[in-house]
PDB file of N, CA and C in Angstrom:
ATOM      1  N   MET A   1       6.659  -4.539   9.779  1.00  0.00           N
ATOM      2  CA  MET A   1       6.346  -3.207  10.192  1.00  0.00           C
ATOM      3  C   MET A   1       6.091  -2.359   8.956  1.00  0.00           C
ATOM      4  N   PHE A   2       5.332  -1.298   9.139  1.00  0.00           N
ATOM      5  CA  PHE A   2       5.078  -0.324   8.087  1.00  0.00           C
ATOM      6  C   PHE A   2       5.877   0.936   8.401  1.00  0.00           C
ATOM      7  N   THR A   3       6.559   1.462   7.398  1.00  0.00           N
ATOM      8  CA  THR A   3       7.310   2.698   7.547  1.00  0.00           C
ATOM      9  C   THR A   3       6.943   3.612   6.387  1.00  0.00           C
ATOM     10  N   LYS A   4       6.548   4.838   6.700  1.00  0.00           N
ATOM     11  CA  LYS A   4       6.216   5.809   5.654  1.00  0.00           C
ATOM     12  C   LYS A   4       7.485   6.167   4.882  1.00  0.00           C
ATOM     13  N   LEU A   5       7.378   6.143   3.550  1.00  0.00           N
ATOM     14  CA  LEU A   5       8.518   6.471   2.702  1.00  0.00           C
ATOM     15  C   LEU A   5       8.601   7.983   2.466  1.00  0.00           C
ATOM     16  N   GLU A   6       9.823   8.481   2.387  1.00  0.00           N
ATOM     17  CA  GLU A   6      10.067   9.917   2.262  1.00  0.00           C
ATOM     18  C   GLU A   6       9.454  10.539   1.019  1.00  0.00           C
ATOM     19  N   LYS A   7       9.305   9.781  -0.054  1.00  0.00           N
ATOM     20  CA  LYS A   7       8.745  10.330  -1.289  1.00  0.00           C
ATOM     21  C   LYS A   7       7.233  10.529  -1.215  1.00  0.00           C
ATOM     22  N   SER A   8       6.621  10.147  -0.131  1.00  0.00           N
ATOM     23  CA  SER A   8       5.186  10.364   0.040  1.00  0.00           C
ATOM     24  C   SER A   8       4.918  11.866   0.021  1.00  0.00           C
ATOM     25  N   SER A   9       3.876  12.252  -0.692  1.00  0.00           N
ATOM     26  CA  SER A   9       3.503  13.664  -0.727  1.00  0.00           C
ATOM     27  C   SER A   9       2.081  13.808  -1.256  1.00  0.00           C
ATOM     28  N   GLY A  10       1.442  14.884  -0.839  1.00  0.00           N
ATOM     29  CA  GLY A  10       0.079  15.121  -1.289  1.00  0.00           C
ATOM     30  C   GLY A  10      -0.819  13.961  -0.925  1.00  0.00           C
ATOM     31  N   ASN A  11      -1.518  13.433  -1.924  1.00  0.00           N
ATOM     32  CA  ASN A  11      -2.416  12.309  -1.669  1.00  0.00           C
ATOM     33  C   ASN A  11      -1.777  10.959  -2.011  1.00  0.00           C
ATOM     34  N   VAL A  12      -0.451  10.924  -2.075  1.00  0.00           N
ATOM     35  CA  VAL A  12       0.279   9.688  -2.362  1.00  0.00           C
ATOM     36  C   VAL A  12       1.009   9.242  -1.096  1.00  0.00           C
ATOM     37  N   LEU A  13       0.704   8.041  -0.657  1.00  0.00           N
ATOM     38  CA  LEU A  13       1.348   7.448   0.509  1.00  0.00           C
ATOM     39  C   LEU A  13       2.188   6.262   0.067  1.00  0.00           C
ATOM     40  N   GLY A  14       3.484   6.334   0.346  1.00  0.00           N
ATOM     41  CA  GLY A  14       4.380   5.221   0.106  1.00  0.00           C
ATOM     42  C   GLY A  14       4.717   4.570   1.431  1.00  0.00           C
ATOM     43  N   VAL A  15       4.633   3.247   1.460  1.00  0.00           N
ATOM     44  CA  VAL A  15       4.862   2.505   2.696  1.00  0.00           C
ATOM     45  C   VAL A  15       5.827   1.358   2.441  1.00  0.00           C
ATOM     46  N   LYS A  16       6.869   1.294   3.262  1.00  0.00           N
ATOM     47  CA  LYS A  16       7.783   0.146   3.234  1.00  0.00           C
ATOM     48  C   LYS A  16       7.188  -0.928   4.136  1.00  0.00           C
ATOM     49  N   VAL A  17       7.083  -2.137   3.604  1.00  0.00           N
ATOM     50  CA  VAL A  17       6.551  -3.278   4.341  1.00  0.00           C
ATOM     51  C   VAL A  17       7.723  -4.212   4.613  1.00  0.00           C
ATOM     52  N   SER A  18       8.070  -4.389   5.890  1.00  0.00           N
ATOM     53  CA  SER A  18       9.228  -5.210   6.215  1.00  0.00           C
ATOM     54  C   SER A  18       9.004  -5.994   7.498  1.00  0.00           C
ATOM     55  N   GLY A  19       9.809  -7.028   7.660  1.00  0.00           N
ATOM     56  CA  GLY A  19       9.745  -7.825   8.879  1.00  0.00           C
ATOM     57  C   GLY A  19       8.411  -8.535   9.044  1.00  0.00           C
ATOM     58  N   VAL A  20       7.976  -8.614  10.290  1.00  0.00           N
ATOM     59  CA  VAL A  20       6.701  -9.269  10.637  1.00  0.00           C
ATOM     60  C   VAL A  20       5.667  -8.185  10.899  1.00  0.00           C
ATOM     61  N   ILE A  21       4.541  -8.262  10.213  1.00  0.00           N
ATOM     62  CA  ILE A  21       3.461  -7.293  10.406  1.00  0.00           C
ATOM     63  C   ILE A  21       2.586  -7.770  11.557  1.00  0.00           C
ATOM     64  N   LYS A  22       2.389  -6.877  12.522  1.00  0.00           N
ATOM     65  CA  LYS A  22       1.552  -7.165  13.686  1.00  0.00           C
ATOM     66  C   LYS A  22       0.335  -6.254  13.668  1.00  0.00           C
ATOM     67  N   ARG A  23      -0.625  -6.592  14.462  1.00  0.00           N
ATOM     68  CA  ARG A  23      -1.877  -5.831  14.535  1.00  0.00           C
ATOM     69  C   ARG A  23      -1.627  -4.335  14.762  1.00  0.00           C
ATOM     70  N   LYS A  24      -0.758  -4.001  15.685  1.00  0.00           N
ATOM     71  CA  LYS A  24      -0.500  -2.599  16.034  1.00  0.00           C
ATOM     72  C   LYS A  24       0.151  -1.827  14.886  1.00  0.00           C
ATOM     73  N   ASP A  25       0.795  -2.517  13.951  1.00  0.00           N
ATOM     74  CA  ASP A  25       1.437  -1.847  12.819  1.00  0.00           C
ATOM     75  C   ASP A  25       0.424  -1.117  11.946  1.00  0.00           C
ATOM     76  N   TYR A  26      -0.810  -1.593  11.938  1.00  0.00           N
ATOM     77  CA  TYR A  26      -1.837  -0.946  11.122  1.00  0.00           C
ATOM     78  C   TYR A  26      -2.198   0.443  11.654  1.00  0.00           C
ATOM     79  N   ASP A  27      -1.883   0.731  12.912  1.00  0.00           N
ATOM     80  CA  ASP A  27      -2.133   2.072  13.448  1.00  0.00           C
ATOM     81  C   ASP A  27      -1.365   3.118  12.650  1.00  0.00           C
ATOM     82  N   VAL A  28      -0.148   2.783  12.220  1.00  0.00           N
ATOM     83  CA  VAL A  28       0.689   3.703  11.450  1.00  0.00           C
ATOM     84  C   VAL A  28       0.042   4.018  10.107  1.00  0.00           C
ATOM     85  N   ILE A  29      -0.299   2.984   9.373  1.00  0.00           N
ATOM     86  CA  ILE A  29      -0.846   3.188   8.034  1.00  0.00           C
ATOM     87  C   ILE A  29      -2.257   3.792   8.101  1.00  0.00           C
ATOM     88  N   ASP A  30      -3.030   3.418   9.115  1.00  0.00           N
ATOM     89  CA  ASP A  30      -4.366   4.006   9.280  1.00  0.00           C
ATOM     90  C   ASP A  30      -4.282   5.504   9.542  1.00  0.00           C
ATOM     91  N   SER A  31      -3.387   5.927  10.424  1.00  0.00           N
ATOM     92  CA  SER A  31      -3.295   7.355  10.750  1.00  0.00           C
ATOM     93  C   SER A  31      -2.801   8.162   9.553  1.00  0.00           C
ATOM     94  N   GLU A  32      -1.881   7.604   8.775  1.00  0.00           N
ATOM     95  CA  GLU A  32      -1.404   8.291   7.571  1.00  0.00           C
ATOM     96  C   GLU A  32      -2.531   8.415   6.546  1.00  0.00           C
ATOM     97  N   ALA A  33      -3.291   7.343   6.346  1.00  0.00           N
ATOM     98  CA  ALA A  33      -4.411   7.377   5.404  1.00  0.00           C
ATOM     99  C   ALA A  33      -5.467   8.376   5.868  1.00  0.00           C
ATOM    100  N   ASP A  34      -5.784   8.378   7.155  1.00  0.00           N
ATOM    101  CA  ASP A  34      -6.765   9.331   7.690  1.00  0.00           C
ATOM    102  C   ASP A  34      -6.330  10.771   7.437  1.00  0.00           C
ATOM    103  N   ALA A  35      -5.054  11.065   7.662  1.00  0.00           N
ATOM    104  CA  ALA A  35      -4.542  12.427   7.468  1.00  0.00           C
ATOM    105  C   ALA A  35      -4.677  12.857   6.003  1.00  0.00           C
ATOM    106  N   ILE A  36      -4.360  11.955   5.087  1.00  0.00           N
ATOM    107  CA  ILE A  36      -4.482  12.267   3.658  1.00  0.00           C
ATOM    108  C   ILE A  36      -5.942  12.501   3.292  1.00  0.00           C
ATOM    109  N   LEU A  37      -6.824  11.639   3.780  1.00  0.00           N
ATOM    110  CA  LEU A  37      -8.228  11.717   3.387  1.00  0.00           C
ATOM    111  C   LEU A  37      -8.978  12.857   4.064  1.00  0.00           C
ATOM    112  N   GLU A  38      -8.389  13.474   5.059  1.00  0.00           N
ATOM    113  CA  GLU A  38      -8.971  14.701   5.615  1.00  0.00           C
ATOM    114  C   GLU A  38      -8.830  15.851   4.624  1.00  0.00           C
ATOM    115  N   GLU A  39      -7.799  15.773   3.780  1.00  0.00           N
ATOM    116  CA  GLU A  39      -7.506  16.850   2.841  1.00  0.00           C
ATOM    117  C   GLU A  39      -7.934  16.524   1.409  1.00  0.00           C
ATOM    118  N   TYR A  40      -7.917  15.248   1.033  1.00  0.00           N
ATOM    119  CA  TYR A  40      -8.202  14.830  -0.342  1.00  0.00           C
ATOM    120  C   TYR A  40      -9.372  13.846  -0.362  1.00  0.00           C
ATOM    121  N   ASP A  41     -10.030  13.758  -1.523  1.00  0.00           N
ATOM    122  CA  ASP A  41     -11.145  12.816  -1.685  1.00  0.00           C
ATOM    123  C   ASP A  41     -10.678  11.378  -1.848  1.00  0.00           C
ATOM    124  N   SER A  42      -9.461  11.214  -2.379  1.00  0.00           N
ATOM    125  CA  SER A  42      -8.928   9.874  -2.596  1.00  0.00           C
ATOM    126  C   SER A  42      -7.417   9.915  -2.388  1.00  0.00           C
ATOM    127  N   MET A  43      -6.826   8.742  -2.401  1.00  0.00           N
ATOM    128  CA  MET A  43      -5.383   8.637  -2.223  1.00  0.00           C
ATOM    129  C   MET A  43      -4.840   7.529  -3.109  1.00  0.00           C
ATOM    130  N   SER A  44      -3.540   7.545  -3.304  1.00  0.00           N
ATOM    131  CA  SER A  44      -2.855   6.465  -4.001  1.00  0.00           C
ATOM    132  C   SER A  44      -1.843   5.878  -3.020  1.00  0.00           C
ATOM    133  N   LEU A  45      -1.636   4.576  -3.122  1.00  0.00           N
ATOM    134  CA  LEU A  45      -0.814   3.858  -2.155  1.00  0.00           C
ATOM    135  C   LEU A  45       0.243   3.037  -2.873  1.00  0.00           C
ATOM    136  N   LEU A  46       1.508   3.255  -2.497  1.00  0.00           N
ATOM    137  CA  LEU A  46       2.616   2.463  -2.997  1.00  0.00           C
ATOM    138  C   LEU A  46       3.130   1.627  -1.831  1.00  0.00           C
ATOM    139  N   MET A  47       3.152   0.323  -2.014  1.00  0.00           N
ATOM    140  CA  MET A  47       3.633  -0.588  -0.971  1.00  0.00           C
ATOM    141  C   MET A  47       4.919  -1.255  -1.467  1.00  0.00           C
ATOM    142  N   TYR A  48       6.018  -0.936  -0.790  1.00  0.00           N
ATOM    143  CA  TYR A  48       7.338  -1.436  -1.152  1.00  0.00           C
ATOM    144  C   TYR A  48       7.713  -2.563  -0.193  1.00  0.00           C
ATOM    145  N   PHE A  49       7.709  -3.790  -0.689  1.00  0.00           N
ATOM    146  CA  PHE A  49       8.032  -4.962   0.125  1.00  0.00           C
ATOM    147  C   PHE A  49       9.540  -5.148   0.170  1.00  0.00           C
ATOM    148  N   ASP A  50      10.110  -5.044   1.374  1.00  0.00           N
ATOM    149  CA  ASP A  50      11.552  -5.170   1.559  1.00  0.00           C
ATOM    150  C   ASP A  50      11.826  -6.009   2.797  1.00  0.00           C
ATOM    151  N   GLU A  51      12.331  -7.198   2.574  1.00  0.00           N
ATOM    152  CA  GLU A  51      12.620  -8.134   3.664  1.00  0.00           C
ATOM    153  C   GLU A  51      11.379  -8.435   4.502  1.00  0.00           C
ATOM    154  N   PHE A  52      10.247  -8.475   3.821  1.00  0.00           N
ATOM    155  CA  PHE A  52       8.994  -8.847   4.464  1.00  0.00           C
ATOM    156  C   PHE A  52       9.047 -10.329   4.819  1.00  0.00           C
ATOM    157  N   ILE A  53       8.628 -10.668   6.037  1.00  0.00           N
ATOM    158  CA  ILE A  53       8.649 -12.062   6.483  1.00  0.00           C
ATOM    159  C   ILE A  53       7.250 -12.657   6.446  1.00  0.00           C
ATOM    160  N   TRP A  54       6.317 -12.039   7.168  1.00  0.00           N
ATOM    161  CA  TRP A  54       4.947 -12.519   7.196  1.00  0.00           C
ATOM    162  C   TRP A  54       4.074 -11.577   8.001  1.00  0.00           C
ATOM    163  N   GLU A  55       2.784 -11.860   7.994  1.00  0.00           N
ATOM    164  CA  GLU A  55       1.816 -11.117   8.799  1.00  0.00           C
ATOM    165  C   GLU A  55       1.217 -12.091   9.796  1.00  0.00           C
ATOM    166  N   VAL A  56       1.269 -11.760  11.082  1.00  0.00           N
ATOM    167  CA  VAL A  56       0.728 -12.667  12.093  1.00  0.00           C
ATOM    168  C   VAL A  56      -0.787 -12.752  11.955  1.00  0.00           C
ATOM    169  N   VAL A  57      -1.326 -13.877  12.336  1.00  0.00           N
ATOM    170  CA  VAL A  57      -2.757 -14.141  12.187  1.00  0.00           C
ATOM    171  C   VAL A  57      -3.605 -13.075  12.878  1.00  0.00           C
ATOM    172  N   THR A  58      -3.164 -12.597  14.023  1.00  0.00           N
ATOM    173  CA  THR A  58      -3.948 -11.600  14.761  1.00  0.00           C
ATOM    174  C   THR A  58      -4.019 -10.257  14.030  1.00  0.00           C
ATOM    175  N   ALA A  59      -3.211 -10.057  13.000  1.00  0.00           N
ATOM    176  CA  ALA A  59      -3.248  -8.815  12.210  1.00  0.00           C
ATOM    177  C   ALA A  59      -4.196  -8.917  11.024  1.00  0.00           C
ATOM    178  N   TRP A  60      -4.663 -10.111  10.706  1.00  0.00           N
ATOM    179  CA  TRP A  60      -5.501 -10.284   9.524  1.00  0.00           C
ATOM    180  C   TRP A  60      -6.796  -9.475   9.596  1.00  0.00           C
ATOM    181  N   GLY A  61      -7.361  -9.361  10.773  1.00  0.00           N
ATOM    182  CA  GLY A  61      -8.581  -8.576  10.929  1.00  0.00           C
ATOM    183  C   GLY A  61      -8.330  -7.101  10.634  1.00  0.00           C
ATOM    184  N   LYS A  62      -7.210  -6.570  11.115  1.00  0.00           N
ATOM    185  CA  LYS A  62      -6.849  -5.173  10.838  1.00  0.00           C
ATOM    186  C   LYS A  62      -6.559  -4.982   9.350  1.00  0.00           C
ATOM    187  N   ASP A  63      -5.956  -5.978   8.726  1.00  0.00           N
ATOM    188  CA  ASP A  63      -5.678  -5.938   7.292  1.00  0.00           C
ATOM    189  C   ASP A  63      -6.995  -5.844   6.524  1.00  0.00           C
ATOM    190  N   ALA A  64      -7.922  -6.713   6.845  1.00  0.00           N
ATOM    191  CA  ALA A  64      -9.235  -6.695   6.186  1.00  0.00           C
ATOM    192  C   ALA A  64      -9.968  -5.387   6.486  1.00  0.00           C
ATOM    193  N   GLY A  65      -9.839  -4.899   7.709  1.00  0.00           N
ATOM    194  CA  GLY A  65     -10.465  -3.640   8.092  1.00  0.00           C
ATOM    195  C   GLY A  65      -9.909  -2.460   7.312  1.00  0.00           C
ATOM    196  N   PHE A  66      -8.609  -2.473   7.045  1.00  0.00           N
ATOM    197  CA  PHE A  66      -8.008  -1.414   6.245  1.00  0.00           C
ATOM    198  C   PHE A  66      -8.632  -1.399   4.851  1.00  0.00           C
ATOM    199  N   GLY A  67      -8.740  -2.575   4.247  1.00  0.00           N
ATOM    200  CA  GLY A  67      -9.349  -2.665   2.919  1.00  0.00           C
ATOM    201  C   GLY A  67     -10.795  -2.213   2.909  1.00  0.00           C
ATOM    202  N   ALA A  68     -11.547  -2.596   3.942  1.00  0.00           N
ATOM    203  CA  ALA A  68     -12.957  -2.207   4.019  1.00  0.00           C
ATOM    204  C   ALA A  68     -13.107  -0.704   4.218  1.00  0.00           C
ATOM    205  N   LYS A  69     -12.243  -0.124   5.039  1.00  0.00           N
ATOM    206  CA  LYS A  69     -12.355   1.300   5.356  1.00  0.00           C
ATOM    207  C   LYS A  69     -11.841   2.194   4.231  1.00  0.00           C
ATOM    208  N   TYR A  70     -10.750   1.807   3.596  1.00  0.00           N
ATOM    209  CA  TYR A  70     -10.085   2.693   2.641  1.00  0.00           C
ATOM    210  C   TYR A  70     -10.148   2.226   1.189  1.00  0.00           C
ATOM    211  N   GLY A  71     -10.560   1.004   0.943  1.00  0.00           N
ATOM    212  CA  GLY A  71     -10.521   0.444  -0.404  1.00  0.00           C
ATOM    213  C   GLY A  71     -11.153   1.314  -1.466  1.00  0.00           C
ATOM    214  N   ASP A  72     -12.321   1.882  -1.176  1.00  0.00           N
ATOM    215  CA  ASP A  72     -12.993   2.714  -2.176  1.00  0.00           C
ATOM    216  C   ASP A  72     -12.416   4.129  -2.241  1.00  0.00           C
ATOM    217  N   LYS A  73     -11.483   4.448  -1.369  1.00  0.00           N
ATOM    218  CA  LYS A  73     -10.817   5.759  -1.367  1.00  0.00           C
ATOM    219  C   LYS A  73      -9.443   5.700  -2.028  1.00  0.00           C
ATOM    220  N   ILE A  74      -8.971   4.486  -2.335  1.00  0.00           N
ATOM    221  CA  ILE A  74      -7.662   4.329  -2.959  1.00  0.00           C
ATOM    222  C   ILE A  74      -7.839   4.315  -4.468  1.00  0.00           C
ATOM    223  N   TYR A  75      -7.289   5.341  -5.099  1.00  0.00           N
ATOM    224  CA  TYR A  75      -7.396   5.518  -6.537  1.00  0.00           C
ATOM    225  C   TYR A  75      -6.447   4.573  -7.279  1.00  0.00           C
ATOM    226  N   LYS A  76      -5.206   4.491  -6.795  1.00  0.00           N
ATOM    227  CA  LYS A  76      -4.202   3.610  -7.395  1.00  0.00           C
ATOM    228  C   LYS A  76      -3.459   2.874  -6.294  1.00  0.00           C
ATOM    229  N   LEU A  77      -3.041   1.653  -6.623  1.00  0.00           N
ATOM    230  CA  LEU A  77      -2.231   0.842  -5.716  1.00  0.00           C
ATOM    231  C   LEU A  77      -1.048   0.291  -6.503  1.00  0.00           C
ATOM    232  N   ALA A  78       0.160   0.609  -6.064  1.00  0.00           N
ATOM    233  CA  ALA A  78       1.375   0.058  -6.664  1.00  0.00           C
ATOM    234  C   ALA A  78       2.009  -0.889  -5.652  1.00  0.00           C
ATOM    235  N   ILE A  79       2.266  -2.101  -6.088  1.00  0.00           N
ATOM    236  CA  ILE A  79       2.970  -3.091  -5.275  1.00  0.00           C
ATOM    237  C   ILE A  79       4.372  -3.226  -5.861  1.00  0.00           C
ATOM    238  N   VAL A  80       5.383  -2.989  -5.046  1.00  0.00           N
ATOM    239  CA  VAL A  80       6.771  -3.090  -5.488  1.00  0.00           C
ATOM    240  C   VAL A  80       7.423  -4.215  -4.696  1.00  0.00           C
ATOM    241  N   GLY A  81       7.980  -5.178  -5.409  1.00  0.00           N
ATOM    242  CA  GLY A  81       8.590  -6.308  -4.723  1.00  0.00           C
ATOM    243  C   GLY A  81       9.379  -7.184  -5.670  1.00  0.00           C
ATOM    244  N   ASP A  82       9.704  -8.374  -5.187  1.00  0.00           N
ATOM    245  CA  ASP A  82      10.487  -9.302  -5.993  1.00  0.00           C
ATOM    246  C   ASP A  82       9.959 -10.735  -5.920  1.00  0.00           C
ATOM    247  N   LYS A  83       8.728 -10.891  -5.471  1.00  0.00           N
ATOM    248  CA  LYS A  83       8.135 -12.226  -5.336  1.00  0.00           C
ATOM    249  C   LYS A  83       6.924 -12.367  -6.256  1.00  0.00           C
ATOM    250  N   LYS A  84       6.729 -13.569  -6.745  1.00  0.00           N
ATOM    251  CA  LYS A  84       5.594 -13.836  -7.637  1.00  0.00           C
ATOM    252  C   LYS A  84       4.262 -13.595  -6.920  1.00  0.00           C
ATOM    253  N   TRP A  85       4.168 -13.938  -5.640  1.00  0.00           N
ATOM    254  CA  TRP A  85       2.909 -13.760  -4.923  1.00  0.00           C
ATOM    255  C   TRP A  85       2.564 -12.279  -4.780  1.00  0.00           C
ATOM    256  N   GLN A  86       3.565 -11.405  -4.744  1.00  0.00           N
ATOM    257  CA  GLN A  86       3.305  -9.969  -4.662  1.00  0.00           C
ATOM    258  C   GLN A  86       2.699  -9.468  -5.974  1.00  0.00           C
ATOM    259  N   GLU A  87       3.174 -10.012  -7.066  1.00  0.00           N
ATOM    260  CA  GLU A  87       2.596  -9.679  -8.370  1.00  0.00           C
ATOM    261  C   GLU A  87       1.136 -10.130  -8.432  1.00  0.00           C
ATOM    262  N   LYS A  88       0.865 -11.288  -7.871  1.00  0.00           N
ATOM    263  CA  LYS A  88      -0.515 -11.801  -7.860  1.00  0.00           C
ATOM    264  C   LYS A  88      -1.423 -10.944  -6.983  1.00  0.00           C
ATOM    265  N   ILE A  89      -0.888 -10.409  -5.894  1.00  0.00           N
ATOM    266  CA  ILE A  89      -1.676  -9.534  -5.029  1.00  0.00           C
ATOM    267  C   ILE A  89      -2.133  -8.304  -5.813  1.00  0.00           C
ATOM    268  N   ALA A  90      -1.245  -7.748  -6.624  1.00  0.00           N
ATOM    269  CA  ALA A  90      -1.601  -6.573  -7.417  1.00  0.00           C
ATOM    270  C   ALA A  90      -2.752  -6.897  -8.369  1.00  0.00           C
ATOM    271  N   LYS A  91      -2.721  -8.059  -8.993  1.00  0.00           N
ATOM    272  CA  LYS A  91      -3.807  -8.459  -9.896  1.00  0.00           C
ATOM    273  C   LYS A  91      -5.093  -8.726  -9.130  1.00  0.00           C
ATOM    274  N   TRP A  92      -4.986  -9.355  -7.978  1.00  0.00           N
ATOM    275  CA  TRP A  92      -6.155  -9.661  -7.154  1.00  0.00           C
ATOM    276  C   TRP A  92      -6.788  -8.386  -6.606  1.00  0.00           C
ATOM    277  N   ALA A  93      -5.971  -7.400  -6.261  1.00  0.00           N
ATOM    278  CA  ALA A  93      -6.455  -6.176  -5.620  1.00  0.00           C
ATOM    279  C   ALA A  93      -7.158  -5.224  -6.584  1.00  0.00           C
ATOM    280  N   ALA A  94      -6.884  -5.331  -7.879  1.00  0.00           N
ATOM    281  CA  ALA A  94      -7.401  -4.362  -8.846  1.00  0.00           C
ATOM    282  C   ALA A  94      -8.905  -4.100  -8.726  1.00  0.00           C
ATOM    283  N   PRO A  95      -9.763  -5.090  -8.632  1.00  0.00           N
ATOM    284  CA  PRO A  95     -11.191  -4.785  -8.557  1.00  0.00           C
ATOM    285  C   PRO A  95     -11.592  -4.035  -7.282  1.00  0.00           C
ATOM    286  N   PHE A  96     -10.773  -4.119  -6.258  1.00  0.00           N
ATOM    287  CA  PHE A  96     -11.101  -3.482  -4.987  1.00  0.00           C
ATOM    288  C   PHE A  96     -10.515  -2.081  -4.857  1.00  0.00           C
ATOM    289  N   TYR A  97      -9.638  -1.713  -5.765  1.00  0.00           N
ATOM    290  CA  TYR A  97      -8.965  -0.418  -5.693  1.00  0.00           C
ATOM    291  C   TYR A  97      -9.083   0.318  -7.024  1.00  0.00           C
ATOM    292  N   GLY A  98     -10.302   0.492  -7.501  1.00  0.00           N
ATOM    293  CA  GLY A  98     -10.550   1.276  -8.697  1.00  0.00           C
ATOM    294  C   GLY A  98      -9.929   0.721  -9.967  1.00  0.00           C
ATOM    295  N   ASP A  99      -9.675  -0.564 -10.002  1.00  0.00           N
ATOM    296  CA  ASP A  99      -9.061  -1.208 -11.169  1.00  0.00           C
ATOM    297  C   ASP A  99      -7.710  -0.618 -11.543  1.00  0.00           C
ATOM    298  N   LYS A 100      -7.075   0.068 -10.619  1.00  0.00           N
ATOM    299  CA  LYS A 100      -5.780   0.678 -10.908  1.00  0.00           C
ATOM    300  C   LYS A 100      -4.743   0.153  -9.926  1.00  0.00           C
ATOM    301  N   ALA A 101      -4.467  -1.115 -10.026  1.00  0.00           N
ATOM    302  CA  ALA A 101      -3.429  -1.736  -9.208  1.00  0.00           C
ATOM    303  C   ALA A 101      -2.398  -2.326 -10.162  1.00  0.00           C
ATOM    304  N   LYS A 102      -1.136  -2.140  -9.818  1.00  0.00           N
ATOM    305  CA  LYS A 102      -0.080  -2.568 -10.726  1.00  0.00           C
ATOM    306  C   LYS A 102       1.129  -3.037  -9.919  1.00  0.00           C
ATOM    307  N   PHE A 103       1.812  -4.051 -10.443  1.00  0.00           N
ATOM    308  CA  PHE A 103       3.018  -4.592  -9.822  1.00  0.00           C
ATOM    309  C   PHE A 103       4.252  -4.031 -10.521  1.00  0.00           C
ATOM    310  N   PHE A 104       5.276  -3.730  -9.730  1.00  0.00           N
ATOM    311  CA  PHE A 104       6.570  -3.292 -10.241  1.00  0.00           C
ATOM    312  C   PHE A 104       7.656  -4.081  -9.517  1.00  0.00           C
ATOM    313  N   SER A 105       8.688  -4.458 -10.250  1.00  0.00           N
ATOM    314  CA  SER A 105       9.824  -5.111  -9.595  1.00  0.00           C
ATOM    315  C   SER A 105      10.620  -4.048  -8.843  1.00  0.00           C
ATOM    316  N   LYS A 106      11.426  -4.474  -7.883  1.00  0.00           N
ATOM    317  CA  LYS A 106      12.211  -3.530  -7.085  1.00  0.00           C
ATOM    318  C   LYS A 106      13.119  -2.661  -7.955  1.00  0.00           C
ATOM    319  N   GLY A 107      13.599  -3.213  -9.060  1.00  0.00           N
ATOM    320  CA  GLY A 107      14.446  -2.439  -9.959  1.00  0.00           C
ATOM    321  C   GLY A 107      13.699  -1.320 -10.667  1.00  0.00           C
ATOM    322  N   ASP A 108      12.381  -1.390 -10.664  1.00  0.00           N
ATOM    323  CA  ASP A 108      11.545  -0.388 -11.328  1.00  0.00           C
ATOM    324  C   ASP A 108      10.831   0.519 -10.336  1.00  0.00           C
ATOM    325  N   VAL A 109      11.396   0.699  -9.154  1.00  0.00           N
ATOM    326  CA  VAL A 109      10.728   1.484  -8.121  1.00  0.00           C
ATOM    327  C   VAL A 109      10.494   2.931  -8.559  1.00  0.00           C
ATOM    328  N   GLU A 110      11.426   3.513  -9.300  1.00  0.00           N
ATOM    329  CA  GLU A 110      11.223   4.896  -9.766  1.00  0.00           C
ATOM    330  C   GLU A 110      10.067   4.967 -10.749  1.00  0.00           C
ATOM    331  N   GLN A 111       9.945   3.965 -11.592  1.00  0.00           N
ATOM    332  CA  GLN A 111       8.806   3.890 -12.520  1.00  0.00           C
ATOM    333  C   GLN A 111       7.500   3.758 -11.728  1.00  0.00           C
ATOM    334  N   ALA A 112       7.530   3.015 -10.636  1.00  0.00           N
ATOM    335  CA  ALA A 112       6.341   2.866  -9.786  1.00  0.00           C
ATOM    336  C   ALA A 112       5.938   4.206  -9.193  1.00  0.00           C
ATOM    337  N   TRP A 113       6.918   4.965  -8.700  1.00  0.00           N
ATOM    338  CA  TRP A 113       6.619   6.299  -8.153  1.00  0.00           C
ATOM    339  C   TRP A 113       6.043   7.212  -9.237  1.00  0.00           C
ATOM    340  N   ASP A 114       6.623   7.165 -10.433  1.00  0.00           N
ATOM    341  CA  ASP A 114       6.107   7.992 -11.534  1.00  0.00           C
ATOM    342  C   ASP A 114       4.662   7.625 -11.834  1.00  0.00           C
ATOM    343  N   TRP A 115       4.389   6.329 -11.923  1.00  0.00           N
ATOM    344  CA  TRP A 115       3.033   5.867 -12.243  1.00  0.00           C
ATOM    345  C   TRP A 115       2.028   6.260 -11.153  1.00  0.00           C
ATOM    346  N   ILE A 116       2.402   6.057  -9.899  1.00  0.00           N
ATOM    347  CA  ILE A 116       1.484   6.311  -8.797  1.00  0.00           C
ATOM    348  C   ILE A 116       1.158   7.803  -8.686  1.00  0.00           C
ATOM    349  N   LYS A 117       2.084   8.659  -9.111  1.00  0.00           N
ATOM    350  CA  LYS A 117       1.866  10.110  -8.990  1.00  0.00           C
ATOM    351  C   LYS A 117       1.163  10.713 -10.211  1.00  0.00           C
ATOM    352  N   GLU A 118       1.029   9.920 -11.300  1.00  0.00           N
ATOM    353  CA  GLU A 118       0.293  10.402 -12.481  1.00  0.00           C
ATOM    354  C   GLU A 118      -1.188  10.514 -12.139  1.00  0.00           C
ATOM    355  N   ASP A 119      -1.860  11.461 -12.780  1.00  0.00           N
ATOM    356  CA  ASP A 119      -3.327  11.565 -12.601  1.00  0.00           C
ATOM    357  C   ASP A 119      -4.058  10.520 -13.363  1.00  0.00           C
TER     358      ASP A 119
END
């Protein structure tokens, strides 16, 4: 599931990613992104992976759709987690998100927030 994090503000959206991600979960993140982009030209996204299990196959289309719809509007992407594959996602995502994607370990979450909120 996706849960908006309290530190989200302005054009910065922080999202906790946990449990099993289903197709309908993208409605939450899509509506938050739409609201930000009504007011700002771009946004920054912090994704905090906490007890994430997996994403069901039926959600993959919505996942790809999110990237297609918002990818060029995301100025920075911070991935916060504790798995090697999450670090690789940050490196893989950089060309699709303005070359400003970065991985942070869970212990560095405050540093991630500082980085994502910098201009």
